[in-house]
Amino acid sequence: TEEEYATLLRLKALKRDYRELYEDLKGVRSEVGYTEKLIEQCTAKLLSEFADWFAEEFFNADHDNRGGGADTNVAEAGAVLGTSTEGQAARGTESDDGNDEALRQGIAAGIPVAGAN
């Protein structure tokens, strides 16, 4: 009958719409995955560069008189910040769980931190 035919046409149109929307969803999921990986890479780079800067700013003055080199300073800064590769390997993660504690220690030590009150 005509009613069944109209229902079948509507069903086909709905299926077509569903397939198109599902393809859009897959594309968005792909973009989200890419963005999440990019955020992880940027976070790792930021932490690494901060550790380098921190070592240069705060450990060089301490070690200049004792002969500590830049590599030692970076390693010590990484240990303080929880960003050393050894620490990450031991934890089995690259999360910033230790960085919150390092931030609190830095604030407690009177190190100025942007955005901290």
Foldseek 3Di string as FASTA:
>chain_A
DVVVVVVVVVVVVVVVVVVVVVVVVVVVVVVVVVVVVVVVVVVLVVVLVVLLVCLVPPVCVVCVVVVDDSVNSSQVSCVLQVNDPVSCVVVVHRDRPSNVVSVVVCVVVVNDDPPDD
